[in-house]
Structures are given as C-alpha cells and as structure tokens.
Amino acid sequence: MFVTMSDVPSRDLQLAGSDVGIARFGQPLELDASVAVDLVVVGSVAVSPKHGARLGKGDGREDKLWGAMRWMGWVSAETPVVTVVHECQVDDSLSSSDMGPGDLAVDIVATPERVLMVEEVPHKPNKVVWSDLHPDQLGQASIMAQQRGPVYRHAS
C-alpha cells in the first residue's frame, strides 16, 4: 500500500501512518509501479548505533521487503533506514559480523531521548535472499508471492 500524504486531510495525518489509516488512505501498488521511497522505518528488538546492526522479531519480514523494494528500484543504498526504539534497546555489542547477507541495517536510531546517526555505513541487501524466506511468509506478503519468480531468476 502507498499513501500519498498530500491526499490525506490535515486532520488525519497522524491516522495515516497507522494500520487503520493505511487501509483507509492507501492505494495498492502494482509491481511495475514507478515509486521512489524517501525513508524506510523498521522495527527492532535491539540495534547498534555503531554498525546499524539490528535484531528484529526473527522472521526477516522487513529485510525481505527491503530486498524486494531494492530490486524493483523503489529504494536505493542511499535511502535512509530508521528504527525507533527505547533507550534500553540500544546495544553496542551487536556488530556487522552478526548480520547475514539478507539482513537490513539501519542508518538512524531514534529513541525518546536522542537521535543517533550510525557511525559506519550499514549493509543493505540489494535483493531478496530467498533461502531465508519460509514458505508461510510467501503467502503473507503479496509482494513476495508475486515477485518470487522474477526476483529469484534475476538474483541467481
């Protein structure tokens, strides 16, 4: 889904970023759509402000969605990736060596107390690593189900 903020009434701007708002104001995207994403926000359980290494919930959904968006040209290596966490989730012991080839690092870590710019350029995958994708995830994300063939053939 894609929300064009200029189409959202000013009284509903906060709602537009929620699941309800996306369902209300969002438009489905076709795989061949010409889209330029300005900023990506991902969830994290823990994150390193030094390397941008992050731990998510363990299903790799954001990593794979990034890979698909990168392959489609919707994001680039320069597209900022931000995570918003509590201060206790900032963990300097995570390193880039903890990340696999399909793991998405972040550029910016935001907490209620501060905003941290990642010190080292983070790794950002340029394709979906299909071997990391569980078959159940394929059906849960329509973009993945639609793209698996073309992305897999392109990436091999």
N, C-alpha and C. Protein backbone atom coordinates (compact mmCIF):
# COMPACT_ATOMS: atom_id res chain seq x y z
N MET A 1 0.84 -1.18 0.00
CA MET A 1 0.00 0.00 0.00
C MET A 1 0.88 1.24 0.00
N PHE A 2 0.41 2.26 -0.65
CA PHE A 2 1.14 3.50 -0.78
C PHE A 2 0.21 4.64 -0.39
N VAL A 3 0.65 5.50 0.52
CA VAL A 3 -0.15 6.63 0.94
C VAL A 3 0.50 7.90 0.41
N THR A 4 -0.24 8.67 -0.37
CA THR A 4 0.22 9.97 -0.83
C THR A 4 -0.26 10.99 0.20
N MET A 5 0.67 11.52 0.97
CA MET A 5 0.31 12.37 2.09
C MET A 5 -0.46 13.62 1.66
N SER A 6 -0.22 14.11 0.47
CA SER A 6 -0.94 15.31 0.02
C SER A 6 -2.43 15.01 -0.19
N ASP A 7 -2.79 13.73 -0.29
CA ASP A 7 -4.19 13.35 -0.44
C ASP A 7 -4.89 13.13 0.89
N VAL A 8 -4.15 13.23 1.99
CA VAL A 8 -4.70 12.99 3.32
C VAL A 8 -5.08 14.33 3.95
N PRO A 9 -6.33 14.47 4.41
CA PRO A 9 -6.72 15.73 5.09
C PRO A 9 -5.82 15.98 6.30
N SER A 10 -5.51 17.23 6.57
CA SER A 10 -4.58 17.56 7.65
C SER A 10 -5.04 17.01 8.99
N ARG A 11 -6.33 16.92 9.22
CA ARG A 11 -6.84 16.39 10.49
C ARG A 11 -6.56 14.89 10.65
N ASP A 12 -6.22 14.20 9.53
CA ASP A 12 -6.00 12.76 9.55
C ASP A 12 -4.54 12.35 9.34
N LEU A 13 -3.61 13.31 9.41
CA LEU A 13 -2.21 12.98 9.14
C LEU A 13 -1.65 11.94 10.12
N GLN A 14 -1.98 12.06 11.40
CA GLN A 14 -1.48 11.08 12.36
C GLN A 14 -2.10 9.71 12.10
N LEU A 15 -3.36 9.67 11.76
CA LEU A 15 -4.05 8.42 11.46
C LEU A 15 -3.45 7.74 10.24
N ALA A 16 -2.98 8.51 9.27
CA ALA A 16 -2.49 7.96 8.00
C ALA A 16 -1.31 7.02 8.18
N GLY A 17 -0.55 7.16 9.25
CA GLY A 17 0.60 6.30 9.49
C GLY A 17 0.26 5.02 10.23
N SER A 18 -0.98 4.83 10.58
CA SER A 18 -1.39 3.62 11.32
C SER A 18 -1.96 2.58 10.35
N ASP A 19 -2.16 1.37 10.86
CA ASP A 19 -2.77 0.32 10.04
C ASP A 19 -4.14 0.74 9.53
N VAL A 20 -4.92 1.38 10.39
CA VAL A 20 -6.26 1.84 10.01
C VAL A 20 -6.16 2.90 8.92
N GLY A 21 -5.22 3.85 9.10
CA GLY A 21 -5.05 4.92 8.12
C GLY A 21 -4.56 4.41 6.78
N ILE A 22 -3.64 3.46 6.82
CA ILE A 22 -3.14 2.89 5.56
C ILE A 22 -4.27 2.18 4.82
N ALA A 23 -5.10 1.45 5.57
CA ALA A 23 -6.24 0.79 4.94
C ALA A 23 -7.22 1.81 4.37
N ARG A 24 -7.36 2.95 5.05
CA ARG A 24 -8.31 3.97 4.62
C ARG A 24 -7.79 4.81 3.46
N PHE A 25 -6.53 5.23 3.54
CA PHE A 25 -5.99 6.17 2.56
C PHE A 25 -5.04 5.53 1.55
N GLY A 26 -4.60 4.32 1.80
CA GLY A 26 -3.60 3.69 0.95
C GLY A 26 -4.16 3.18 -0.37
N GLN A 27 -3.29 3.13 -1.34
CA GLN A 27 -3.61 2.59 -2.65
C GLN A 27 -2.68 1.42 -2.92
N PRO A 28 -3.22 0.32 -3.45
CA PRO A 28 -2.33 -0.81 -3.76
C PRO A 28 -1.31 -0.42 -4.83
N LEU A 29 -0.15 -1.01 -4.73
CA LEU A 29 0.91 -0.76 -5.71
C LEU A 29 1.04 -1.97 -6.63
N GLU A 30 1.18 -1.70 -7.90
CA GLU A 30 1.49 -2.75 -8.85
C GLU A 30 3.00 -2.94 -8.85
N LEU A 31 3.45 -4.13 -9.18
CA LEU A 31 4.89 -4.40 -9.15
C LEU A 31 5.68 -3.55 -10.12
N ASP A 32 5.04 -3.09 -11.18
CA ASP A 32 5.75 -2.27 -12.15
C ASP A 32 5.57 -0.77 -11.89
N ALA A 33 5.02 -0.42 -10.72
CA ALA A 33 4.81 0.99 -10.38
C ALA A 33 6.15 1.71 -10.27
N SER A 34 6.14 2.96 -10.66
CA SER A 34 7.33 3.80 -10.52
C SER A 34 7.21 4.54 -9.20
N VAL A 35 7.98 4.10 -8.21
CA VAL A 35 7.90 4.65 -6.86
C VAL A 35 9.29 4.99 -6.37
N ALA A 36 9.41 6.10 -5.68
CA ALA A 36 10.67 6.46 -5.02
C ALA A 36 10.37 6.65 -3.54
N VAL A 37 10.80 5.71 -2.73
CA VAL A 37 10.58 5.76 -1.29
C VAL A 37 11.65 6.66 -0.68
N ASP A 38 11.22 7.66 0.10
CA ASP A 38 12.14 8.63 0.68
C ASP A 38 12.79 8.16 1.97
N LEU A 39 12.08 7.31 2.74
CA LEU A 39 12.53 6.91 4.06
C LEU A 39 11.84 5.60 4.42
N VAL A 40 12.57 4.68 5.03
CA VAL A 40 12.01 3.41 5.47
C VAL A 40 12.17 3.33 6.98
N VAL A 41 11.08 2.98 7.68
CA VAL A 41 11.11 2.81 9.13
C VAL A 41 10.87 1.33 9.42
N VAL A 42 11.78 0.73 10.21
CA VAL A 42 11.67 -0.68 10.55
C VAL A 42 11.67 -0.85 12.06
N GLY A 43 11.08 -1.94 12.51
CA GLY A 43 11.09 -2.26 13.93
C GLY A 43 12.38 -2.98 14.29
N SER A 44 12.75 -2.87 15.55
CA SER A 44 13.95 -3.56 16.05
C SER A 44 13.73 -3.97 17.50
N VAL A 45 14.27 -5.12 17.85
CA VAL A 45 14.30 -5.55 19.24
C VAL A 45 15.54 -4.97 19.90
N ALA A 46 16.64 -4.95 19.16
CA ALA A 46 17.89 -4.35 19.62
C ALA A 46 18.62 -3.80 18.40
N VAL A 47 19.44 -2.77 18.62
CA VAL A 47 20.14 -2.14 17.49
C VAL A 47 21.45 -1.52 17.98
N SER A 48 22.45 -1.58 17.10
CA SER A 48 23.75 -0.98 17.40
C SER A 48 23.89 0.36 16.68
N PRO A 49 24.15 1.44 17.40
CA PRO A 49 24.35 2.73 16.74
C PRO A 49 25.71 2.83 16.05
N LYS A 50 26.60 1.91 16.34
CA LYS A 50 27.92 1.94 15.70
C LYS A 50 27.87 1.33 14.30
N HIS A 51 27.22 0.17 14.16
CA HIS A 51 27.22 -0.55 12.89
C HIS A 51 25.86 -0.57 12.19
N GLY A 52 24.81 -0.15 12.88
CA GLY A 52 23.48 -0.22 12.30
C GLY A 52 22.91 -1.62 12.32
N ALA A 53 23.64 -2.57 12.91
CA ALA A 53 23.15 -3.94 13.01
C ALA A 53 21.92 -3.95 13.89
N ARG A 54 20.91 -4.73 13.48
CA ARG A 54 19.67 -4.77 14.25
C ARG A 54 19.17 -6.19 14.36
N LEU A 55 18.46 -6.43 15.42
CA LEU A 55 17.72 -7.67 15.59
C LEU A 55 16.25 -7.33 15.51
N GLY A 56 15.53 -8.06 14.68
CA GLY A 56 14.09 -7.87 14.59
C GLY A 56 13.39 -8.96 15.37
N LYS A 57 12.19 -9.29 14.95
CA LYS A 57 11.43 -10.34 15.63
C LYS A 57 11.90 -11.73 15.22
N GLY A 58 12.73 -11.81 14.20
CA GLY A 58 13.28 -13.09 13.80
C GLY A 58 12.69 -13.66 12.53
N ASP A 59 11.67 -13.02 11.97
CA ASP A 59 11.08 -13.56 10.74
C ASP A 59 11.64 -12.91 9.48
N GLY A 60 12.40 -11.85 9.62
CA GLY A 60 13.06 -11.23 8.48
C GLY A 60 12.15 -10.51 7.51
N ARG A 61 10.95 -10.19 7.95
CA ARG A 61 9.98 -9.57 7.04
C ARG A 61 10.48 -8.25 6.46
N GLU A 62 11.01 -7.37 7.32
CA GLU A 62 11.50 -6.08 6.82
C GLU A 62 12.69 -6.26 5.89
N ASP A 63 13.57 -7.22 6.22
CA ASP A 63 14.74 -7.48 5.38
C ASP A 63 14.32 -7.88 3.97
N LYS A 64 13.35 -8.76 3.90
CA LYS A 64 12.92 -9.27 2.60
C LYS A 64 12.11 -8.23 1.83
N LEU A 65 11.30 -7.46 2.53
CA LEU A 65 10.56 -6.40 1.86
C LEU A 65 11.54 -5.37 1.30
N TRP A 66 12.58 -5.02 2.07
CA TRP A 66 13.61 -4.11 1.56
C TRP A 66 14.24 -4.69 0.30
N GLY A 67 14.61 -5.98 0.35
CA GLY A 67 15.23 -6.61 -0.82
C GLY A 67 14.35 -6.53 -2.05
N ALA A 68 13.05 -6.75 -1.87
CA ALA A 68 12.12 -6.67 -3.00
C ALA A 68 12.02 -5.23 -3.50
N MET A 69 11.93 -4.27 -2.58
CA MET A 69 11.84 -2.87 -3.00
C MET A 69 13.13 -2.42 -3.68
N ARG A 70 14.26 -2.93 -3.23
CA ARG A 70 15.54 -2.57 -3.85
C ARG A 70 15.60 -3.12 -5.27
N TRP A 71 15.19 -4.38 -5.44
CA TRP A 71 15.23 -5.00 -6.75
C TRP A 71 14.31 -4.26 -7.73
N MET A 72 13.18 -3.75 -7.21
CA MET A 72 12.23 -3.03 -8.07
C MET A 72 12.65 -1.59 -8.31
N GLY A 73 13.69 -1.14 -7.63
CA GLY A 73 14.15 0.23 -7.81
C GLY A 73 13.38 1.25 -6.98
N TRP A 74 12.60 0.81 -6.01
CA TRP A 74 11.83 1.72 -5.17
C TRP A 74 12.70 2.36 -4.10
N VAL A 75 13.78 1.67 -3.68
CA VAL A 75 14.75 2.21 -2.72
C VAL A 75 16.13 2.00 -3.31
N SER A 76 17.10 2.71 -2.76
CA SER A 76 18.49 2.55 -3.19
C SER A 76 19.35 2.40 -1.93
N ALA A 77 20.63 2.17 -2.13
CA ALA A 77 21.55 2.07 -0.99
C ALA A 77 21.57 3.37 -0.19
N GLU A 78 21.19 4.47 -0.81
CA GLU A 78 21.19 5.77 -0.13
C GLU A 78 19.88 6.07 0.59
N THR A 79 18.84 5.28 0.39
CA THR A 79 17.57 5.51 1.08
C THR A 79 17.77 5.29 2.58
N PRO A 80 17.49 6.30 3.40
CA PRO A 80 17.71 6.14 4.84
C PRO A 80 16.75 5.11 5.44
N VAL A 81 17.30 4.31 6.34
CA VAL A 81 16.52 3.33 7.11
C VAL A 81 16.62 3.74 8.57
N VAL A 82 15.45 3.91 9.20
CA VAL A 82 15.37 4.38 10.57
C VAL A 82 14.69 3.33 11.43
N THR A 83 15.13 3.20 12.67
CA THR A 83 14.41 2.40 13.64
C THR A 83 14.15 3.27 14.87
N VAL A 84 13.00 3.07 15.48
CA VAL A 84 12.62 3.81 16.68
C VAL A 84 12.52 2.80 17.81
N VAL A 85 13.35 2.98 18.85
CA VAL A 85 13.42 2.03 19.96
C VAL A 85 13.50 2.79 21.28
N HIS A 86 13.31 2.05 22.37
CA HIS A 86 13.57 2.61 23.70
C HIS A 86 15.08 2.58 23.94
N GLU A 87 15.53 3.43 24.81
CA GLU A 87 16.96 3.52 25.11
C GLU A 87 17.56 2.17 25.51
N CYS A 88 16.80 1.35 26.24
CA CYS A 88 17.31 0.06 26.70
C CYS A 88 17.52 -0.94 25.55
N GLN A 89 17.04 -0.61 24.35
CA GLN A 89 17.21 -1.49 23.19
C GLN A 89 18.45 -1.14 22.37
N VAL A 90 19.13 -0.07 22.73
CA VAL A 90 20.37 0.31 22.06
C VAL A 90 21.48 -0.56 22.65
N ASP A 91 22.15 -1.33 21.78
CA ASP A 91 23.11 -2.34 22.24
C ASP A 91 24.39 -2.24 21.43
N ASP A 92 25.44 -1.72 22.05
CA ASP A 92 26.72 -1.55 21.36
C ASP A 92 27.44 -2.86 21.09
N SER A 93 26.97 -3.96 21.70
CA SER A 93 27.67 -5.24 21.50
C SER A 93 27.30 -5.90 20.17
N LEU A 94 26.23 -5.47 19.52
CA LEU A 94 25.90 -6.01 18.20
C LEU A 94 26.91 -5.49 17.19
N SER A 95 27.30 -6.35 16.25
CA SER A 95 28.25 -5.88 15.24
C SER A 95 27.79 -6.31 13.85
N SER A 96 28.42 -5.75 12.86
CA SER A 96 28.07 -6.09 11.48
C SER A 96 28.33 -7.56 11.18
N SER A 97 29.24 -8.19 11.94
CA SER A 97 29.51 -9.62 11.72
C SER A 97 28.34 -10.49 12.19
N ASP A 98 27.41 -9.93 12.97
CA ASP A 98 26.21 -10.65 13.40
C ASP A 98 25.16 -10.70 12.30
N MET A 99 25.38 -9.98 11.21
CA MET A 99 24.38 -9.86 10.15
C MET A 99 24.70 -10.79 8.99
N GLY A 100 23.63 -11.35 8.41
CA GLY A 100 23.76 -12.17 7.23
C GLY A 100 23.61 -11.33 5.97
N PRO A 101 23.75 -11.94 4.79
CA PRO A 101 23.69 -11.19 3.54
C PRO A 101 22.33 -10.57 3.25
N GLY A 102 21.27 -11.10 3.84
CA GLY A 102 19.95 -10.55 3.60
C GLY A 102 19.45 -9.65 4.71
N ASP A 103 20.27 -9.41 5.74
CA ASP A 103 19.85 -8.60 6.88
C ASP A 103 20.00 -7.12 6.58
N LEU A 104 18.99 -6.36 6.96
CA LEU A 104 18.98 -4.91 6.72
C LEU A 104 19.47 -4.16 7.96
N ALA A 105 20.49 -3.35 7.78
CA ALA A 105 20.98 -2.47 8.84
C ALA A 105 20.26 -1.14 8.74
N VAL A 106 20.43 -0.32 9.77
CA VAL A 106 19.78 0.98 9.79
C VAL A 106 20.83 2.10 9.72
N ASP A 107 20.37 3.26 9.27
CA ASP A 107 21.21 4.45 9.20
C ASP A 107 21.03 5.34 10.42
N ILE A 108 19.82 5.30 10.99
CA ILE A 108 19.47 6.21 12.08
C ILE A 108 18.74 5.42 13.16
N VAL A 109 19.11 5.67 14.42
CA VAL A 109 18.44 5.07 15.57
C VAL A 109 17.82 6.21 16.36
N ALA A 110 16.50 6.15 16.55
CA ALA A 110 15.81 7.19 17.31
C ALA A 110 15.26 6.59 18.59
N THR A 111 15.52 7.24 19.70
CA THR A 111 14.95 6.86 20.99
C THR A 111 14.20 8.09 21.52
N PRO A 112 13.42 7.94 22.58
CA PRO A 112 12.76 9.12 23.14
C PRO A 112 13.76 10.19 23.62
N GLU A 113 14.99 9.77 23.92
CA GLU A 113 15.99 10.70 24.45
C GLU A 113 16.91 11.32 23.40
N ARG A 114 17.14 10.60 22.28
CA ARG A 114 18.14 11.09 21.33
C ARG A 114 17.95 10.47 19.95
N VAL A 115 18.62 11.07 18.99
CA VAL A 115 18.67 10.53 17.62
C VAL A 115 20.14 10.26 17.32
N LEU A 116 20.44 9.01 16.94
CA LEU A 116 21.82 8.58 16.71
C LEU A 116 22.03 8.29 15.23
N MET A 117 23.04 8.92 14.66
CA MET A 117 23.42 8.61 13.29
C MET A 117 24.41 7.46 13.36
N VAL A 118 24.18 6.41 12.58
CA VAL A 118 25.06 5.24 12.61
C VAL A 118 26.45 5.65 12.15
N GLU A 119 27.46 5.19 12.87
CA GLU A 119 28.85 5.60 12.63
C GLU A 119 29.43 5.03 11.34
N GLU A 120 29.13 3.76 11.04
CA GLU A 120 29.68 3.11 9.85
C GLU A 120 28.55 2.87 8.86
N VAL A 121 28.87 2.96 7.58
CA VAL A 121 27.86 2.76 6.55
C VAL A 121 27.28 1.35 6.68
N PRO A 122 25.98 1.23 6.88
CA PRO A 122 25.39 -0.09 7.09
C PRO A 122 25.24 -0.89 5.80
N HIS A 123 25.19 -2.19 5.98
CA HIS A 123 24.93 -3.11 4.86
C HIS A 123 23.45 -3.07 4.53
N LYS A 124 23.16 -2.96 3.25
CA LYS A 124 21.77 -3.01 2.81
C LYS A 124 21.69 -3.99 1.65
N PRO A 125 20.88 -5.04 1.79
CA PRO A 125 20.80 -6.03 0.71
C PRO A 125 20.23 -5.42 -0.57
N ASN A 126 20.65 -5.95 -1.71
CA ASN A 126 20.15 -5.44 -2.98
C ASN A 126 19.18 -6.40 -3.66
N LYS A 127 18.79 -7.45 -2.93
CA LYS A 127 17.82 -8.42 -3.46
C LYS A 127 17.27 -9.22 -2.28
N VAL A 128 16.25 -9.98 -2.55
CA VAL A 128 15.70 -10.89 -1.55
C VAL A 128 16.58 -12.13 -1.51
N VAL A 129 16.94 -12.57 -0.32
CA VAL A 129 17.67 -13.82 -0.16
C VAL A 129 16.60 -14.89 0.09
N TRP A 130 16.19 -15.53 -1.00
CA TRP A 130 15.04 -16.43 -0.94
C TRP A 130 15.25 -17.62 -0.02
N SER A 131 16.48 -18.03 0.17
CA SER A 131 16.74 -19.16 1.06
C SER A 131 16.39 -18.82 2.51
N ASP A 132 16.33 -17.53 2.84
CA ASP A 132 15.95 -17.10 4.18
C ASP A 132 14.44 -17.01 4.37
N LEU A 133 13.68 -17.17 3.31
CA LEU A 133 12.22 -16.97 3.37
C LEU A 133 11.51 -18.29 3.61
N HIS A 134 10.74 -18.35 4.68
CA HIS A 134 9.93 -19.52 4.99
C HIS A 134 8.71 -19.52 4.07
N PRO A 135 8.26 -20.67 3.57
CA PRO A 135 7.12 -20.72 2.66
C PRO A 135 5.87 -20.02 3.19
N ASP A 136 5.65 -20.06 4.51
CA ASP A 136 4.49 -19.37 5.08
C ASP A 136 4.56 -17.86 4.87
N GLN A 137 5.77 -17.31 4.88
CA GLN A 137 5.93 -15.88 4.69
C GLN A 137 5.57 -15.46 3.27
N LEU A 138 5.79 -16.34 2.32
CA LEU A 138 5.49 -16.03 0.94
C LEU A 138 4.02 -15.70 0.75
N GLY A 139 3.15 -16.46 1.41
CA GLY A 139 1.72 -16.21 1.29
C GLY A 139 1.24 -15.02 2.09
N GLN A 140 2.00 -14.61 3.11
CA GLN A 140 1.59 -13.49 3.96
C GLN A 140 1.89 -12.14 3.32
N ALA A 141 2.83 -12.08 2.43
CA ALA A 141 3.21 -10.82 1.80
C ALA A 141 2.98 -10.95 0.30
N SER A 142 1.92 -10.32 -0.19
CA SER A 142 1.55 -10.49 -1.59
C SER A 142 2.67 -10.04 -2.53
N ILE A 143 3.44 -9.03 -2.14
CA ILE A 143 4.52 -8.57 -3.00
C ILE A 143 5.56 -9.68 -3.17
N MET A 144 5.78 -10.46 -2.12
CA MET A 144 6.73 -11.57 -2.20
C MET A 144 6.18 -12.67 -3.09
N ALA A 145 4.91 -13.00 -2.91
CA ALA A 145 4.31 -14.07 -3.71
C ALA A 145 4.32 -13.71 -5.19
N GLN A 146 4.07 -12.45 -5.51
CA GLN A 146 4.04 -12.03 -6.90
C GLN A 146 5.42 -11.97 -7.51
N GLN A 147 6.43 -11.70 -6.69
CA GLN A 147 7.76 -11.46 -7.22
C GLN A 147 8.71 -12.63 -7.17
N ARG A 148 8.40 -13.66 -6.43
CA ARG A 148 9.39 -14.70 -6.18
C ARG A 148 10.04 -15.21 -7.47
N GLY A 149 9.26 -15.49 -8.47
CA GLY A 149 9.85 -15.99 -9.72
C GLY A 149 10.81 -15.00 -10.35
N PRO A 150 10.36 -13.77 -10.66
CA PRO A 150 11.26 -12.82 -11.31
C PRO A 150 12.47 -12.46 -10.46
N VAL A 151 12.29 -12.26 -9.15
CA VAL A 151 13.42 -11.88 -8.31
C VAL A 151 14.41 -13.03 -8.22
N TYR A 152 13.90 -14.22 -8.05
CA TYR A 152 14.78 -15.39 -7.92
C TYR A 152 15.61 -15.59 -9.19
N ARG A 153 14.95 -15.49 -10.33
CA ARG A 153 15.69 -15.66 -11.58
C ARG A 153 16.70 -14.55 -11.78
N HIS A 154 16.32 -13.33 -11.43
CA HIS A 154 17.22 -12.18 -11.59
C HIS A 154 18.44 -12.28 -10.67
N ALA A 155 18.21 -12.77 -9.46
CA ALA A 155 19.27 -12.77 -8.45
C ALA A 155 20.22 -13.95 -8.59
N SER A 156 19.88 -14.96 -9.31
CA SER A 156 20.75 -16.16 -9.35
C SER A 156 21.89 -16.01 -10.32
